[in-house]
């Protein structure tokens, strides 16, 4: 199967409480919808409650959510762990996963683990 679409994720209210999404070691295909890490319903674009996103060892392809999406994440973003290793993801790693233009020093204070190994 595939992950929920951006259209589905965009309809979540800003009060959505999904904090952990783990779907590793399945046969999930398609792309990673930006809505898992960016929430268009929040004024700053941040999915504030997502802390742990793990889709490693699937058949996901395409690119990671763009810098345009990630640039709108505020320093209040809670995403700490992003793991998408052992998939078929291509392209460059958007700087927004590790750099936050909203912080004076540019660092993403909350990201603790970012893994896209073996893609």
C-alpha atoms as a PDB file:
ATOM      1  CA  UNK A   1       0.000   0.000   0.000  1.00  0.00           C
ATOM      2  CA  UNK A   2       0.904   3.671   0.257  1.00  0.00           C
ATOM      3  CA  UNK A   3       1.098   6.312   2.984  1.00  0.00           C
ATOM      4  CA  UNK A   4      -1.863   8.697   3.483  1.00  0.00           C
ATOM      5  CA  UNK A   5      -1.944  11.485   0.898  1.00  0.00           C
ATOM      6  CA  UNK A   6      -1.155  15.142   1.472  1.00  0.00           C
ATOM      7  CA  UNK A   7      -4.855  15.867   0.868  1.00  0.00           C
ATOM      8  CA  UNK A   8      -5.751  13.612   3.803  1.00  0.00           C
ATOM      9  CA  UNK A   9      -3.021  15.046   6.015  1.00  0.00           C
ATOM     10  CA  UNK A  10      -3.951  18.647   5.134  1.00  0.00           C
ATOM     11  CA  UNK A  11      -7.408  18.067   6.612  1.00  0.00           C
ATOM     12  CA  UNK A  12      -6.005  17.332  10.064  1.00  0.00           C
ATOM     13  CA  UNK A  13      -6.776  20.095  12.501  1.00  0.00           C
ATOM     14  CA  UNK A  14      -3.919  22.013  14.077  1.00  0.00           C
ATOM     15  CA  UNK A  15      -4.854  20.199  17.281  1.00  0.00           C
ATOM     16  CA  UNK A  16      -4.031  16.775  15.835  1.00  0.00           C
ATOM     17  CA  UNK A  17      -2.057  14.787  18.377  1.00  0.00           C
ATOM     18  CA  UNK A  18      -0.232  12.232  16.190  1.00  0.00           C
ATOM     19  CA  UNK A  19       3.259  12.167  17.714  1.00  0.00           C
ATOM     20  CA  UNK A  20       4.654   8.807  16.626  1.00  0.00           C
ATOM     21  CA  UNK A  21       4.314   7.232  13.199  1.00  0.00           C
ATOM     22  CA  UNK A  22       6.117   3.931  12.795  1.00  0.00           C
ATOM     23  CA  UNK A  23       5.612   1.761   9.731  1.00  0.00           C
ATOM     24  CA  UNK A  24       9.014   0.169   9.253  1.00  0.00           C
ATOM     25  CA  UNK A  25       9.601  -3.202   7.590  1.00  0.00           C
ATOM     26  CA  UNK A  26       6.487  -3.267   5.432  1.00  0.00           C
ATOM     27  CA  UNK A  27       5.876  -3.159   1.705  1.00  0.00           C
ATOM     28  CA  UNK A  28       4.800   0.497   1.594  1.00  0.00           C
ATOM     29  CA  UNK A  29       5.430   2.166  -1.766  1.00  0.00           C
ATOM     30  CA  UNK A  30       4.983   5.649  -3.178  1.00  0.00           C
ATOM     31  CA  UNK A  31       6.422   8.863  -1.764  1.00  0.00           C
ATOM     32  CA  UNK A  32       6.654  10.426   1.692  1.00  0.00           C
ATOM     33  CA  UNK A  33       3.902  13.082   1.829  1.00  0.00           C
ATOM     34  CA  UNK A  34       5.188  16.432   3.095  1.00  0.00           C
ATOM     35  CA  UNK A  35       2.185  16.619   5.425  1.00  0.00           C
ATOM     36  CA  UNK A  36       3.895  14.301   7.879  1.00  0.00           C
ATOM     37  CA  UNK A  37       6.524  16.958   8.681  1.00  0.00           C
ATOM     38  CA  UNK A  38       4.792  20.175   7.501  1.00  0.00           C
ATOM     39  CA  UNK A  39       1.251  21.153   8.462  1.00  0.00           C
ATOM     40  CA  UNK A  40      -0.453  23.693   6.180  1.00  0.00           C
ATOM     41  CA  UNK A  41      -3.126  24.311   8.846  1.00  0.00           C
ATOM     42  CA  UNK A  42      -0.611  25.886  11.230  1.00  0.00           C
ATOM     43  CA  UNK A  43       0.343  29.487  10.399  1.00  0.00           C
ATOM     44  CA  UNK A  44       4.046  28.600  10.558  1.00  0.00           C
ATOM     45  CA  UNK A  45       3.626  25.358   8.555  1.00  0.00           C
ATOM     46  CA  UNK A  46       4.887  23.223  11.396  1.00  0.00           C
ATOM     47  CA  UNK A  47       3.573  19.806  12.304  1.00  0.00           C
ATOM     48  CA  UNK A  48       4.192  20.602  15.963  1.00  0.00           C
ATOM     49  CA  UNK A  49       3.237  17.273  17.450  1.00  0.00           C
ATOM     50  CA  UNK A  50       5.097  14.793  15.217  1.00  0.00           C
ATOM     51  CA  UNK A  51       8.157  13.676  17.156  1.00  0.00           C
ATOM     52  CA  UNK A  52       9.061  10.311  15.671  1.00  0.00           C
ATOM     53  CA  UNK A  53       8.653   9.355  12.005  1.00  0.00           C
ATOM     54  CA  UNK A  54       9.950   5.918  10.982  1.00  0.00           C
ATOM     55  CA  UNK A  55       9.360   4.322   7.590  1.00  0.00           C
ATOM     56  CA  UNK A  56      12.624   2.440   7.194  1.00  0.00           C
ATOM     57  CA  UNK A  57      12.876  -0.749   5.135  1.00  0.00           C
ATOM     58  CA  UNK A  58       9.986  -0.186   2.746  1.00  0.00           C
ATOM     59  CA  UNK A  59       9.723   0.564  -0.971  1.00  0.00           C
ATOM     60  CA  UNK A  60       9.283   4.329  -0.748  1.00  0.00           C
ATOM     61  CA  UNK A  61      10.645   6.347  -3.666  1.00  0.00           C
ATOM     62  CA  UNK A  62      10.837   9.912  -4.901  1.00  0.00           C
ATOM     63  CA  UNK A  63      12.375  12.770  -2.971  1.00  0.00           C
ATOM     64  CA  UNK A  64      12.190  13.926   0.635  1.00  0.00           C
ATOM     65  CA  UNK A  65       9.857  16.821   1.561  1.00  0.00           C
ATOM     66  CA  UNK A  66      11.277  20.033   0.065  1.00  0.00           C
ATOM     67  CA  UNK A  67      13.154  22.886   1.682  1.00  0.00           C
ATOM     68  CA  UNK A  68      10.159  25.073   0.822  1.00  0.00           C
ATOM     69  CA  UNK A  69       8.016  22.931   3.121  1.00  0.00           C
ATOM     70  CA  UNK A  70      10.684  22.564   5.791  1.00  0.00           C
ATOM     71  CA  UNK A  71      11.621  26.266   5.800  1.00  0.00           C
ATOM     72  CA  UNK A  72       8.199  27.030   7.281  1.00  0.00           C
ATOM     73  CA  UNK A  73       8.826  24.849  10.328  1.00  0.00           C
ATOM     74  CA  UNK A  74       9.288  27.014  13.380  1.00  0.00           C
ATOM     75  CA  UNK A  75      11.785  26.444  16.148  1.00  0.00           C
ATOM     76  CA  UNK A  76       8.830  24.950  18.045  1.00  0.00           C
ATOM     77  CA  UNK A  77       8.748  21.939  15.725  1.00  0.00           C
ATOM     78  CA  UNK A  78       8.976  18.737  17.723  1.00  0.00           C
ATOM     79  CA  UNK A  79      10.284  16.325  15.056  1.00  0.00           C
ATOM     80  CA  UNK A  80      13.253  14.655  16.724  1.00  0.00           C
ATOM     81  CA  UNK A  81      13.632  11.395  14.832  1.00  0.00           C
ATOM     82  CA  UNK A  82      13.260  10.908  11.079  1.00  0.00           C
ATOM     83  CA  UNK A  83      14.201   7.485   9.762  1.00  0.00           C
ATOM     84  CA  UNK A  84      13.692   6.480   6.134  1.00  0.00           C
ATOM     85  CA  UNK A  85      16.678   4.196   5.556  1.00  0.00           C
ATOM     86  CA  UNK A  86      16.573   1.199   3.213  1.00  0.00           C
ATOM     87  CA  UNK A  87      14.105   2.615   0.699  1.00  0.00           C
ATOM     88  CA  UNK A  88      14.423   3.908  -2.862  1.00  0.00           C
ATOM     89  CA  UNK A  89      14.543   7.636  -2.064  1.00  0.00           C
ATOM     90  CA  UNK A  90      16.529   9.795  -4.480  1.00  0.00           C
ATOM     91  CA  UNK A  91      17.670  13.393  -4.792  1.00  0.00           C
ATOM     92  CA  UNK A  92      19.362  15.660  -2.301  1.00  0.00           C
ATOM     93  CA  UNK A  93      18.774  15.941   1.422  1.00  0.00           C
ATOM     94  CA  UNK A  94      16.934  19.233   2.046  1.00  0.00           C
ATOM     95  CA  UNK A  95      18.912  21.445   4.417  1.00  0.00           C
ATOM     96  CA  UNK A  96      15.712  22.152   6.339  1.00  0.00           C
ATOM     97  CA  UNK A  97      15.940  18.785   8.065  1.00  0.00           C
ATOM     98  CA  UNK A  98      19.060  19.863   9.956  1.00  0.00           C
ATOM     99  CA  UNK A  99      19.057  23.681   9.637  1.00  0.00           C
ATOM    100  CA  UNK A 100      16.308  25.994  10.848  1.00  0.00           C
ATOM    101  CA  UNK A 101      16.364  29.442   9.228  1.00  0.00           C
ATOM    102  CA  UNK A 102      14.124  30.692  12.064  1.00  0.00           C
ATOM    103  CA  UNK A 103      16.839  30.110  14.658  1.00  0.00           C
ATOM    104  CA  UNK A 104      19.544  32.803  14.855  1.00  0.00           C
ATOM    105  CA  UNK A 105      22.324  30.211  14.613  1.00  0.00           C
ATOM    106  CA  UNK A 106      20.543  28.198  11.888  1.00  0.00           C
ATOM    107  CA  UNK A 107      20.524  24.912  13.763  1.00  0.00           C
ATOM    108  CA  UNK A 108      17.515  22.653  14.124  1.00  0.00           C
ATOM    109  CA  UNK A 109      17.414  22.404  17.887  1.00  0.00           C
ATOM    110  CA  UNK A 110      15.045  19.445  18.129  1.00  0.00           C
ATOM    111  CA  UNK A 111      16.298  17.053  15.412  1.00  0.00           C
ATOM    112  CA  UNK A 112      18.293  14.357  17.182  1.00  0.00           C
ATOM    113  CA  UNK A 113      18.378  11.509  14.670  1.00  0.00           C
ATOM    114  CA  UNK A 114      18.115  11.728  10.879  1.00  0.00           C
ATOM    115  CA  UNK A 115      18.694   8.514   8.904  1.00  0.00           C
ATOM    116  CA  UNK A 116      18.329   7.993   5.151  1.00  0.00           C
ATOM    117  CA  UNK A 117      21.035   5.354   4.828  1.00  0.00           C
ATOM    118  CA  UNK A 118      20.936   2.860   1.944  1.00  0.00           C
ATOM    119  CA  UNK A 119      18.733   4.730  -0.506  1.00  0.00           C
END
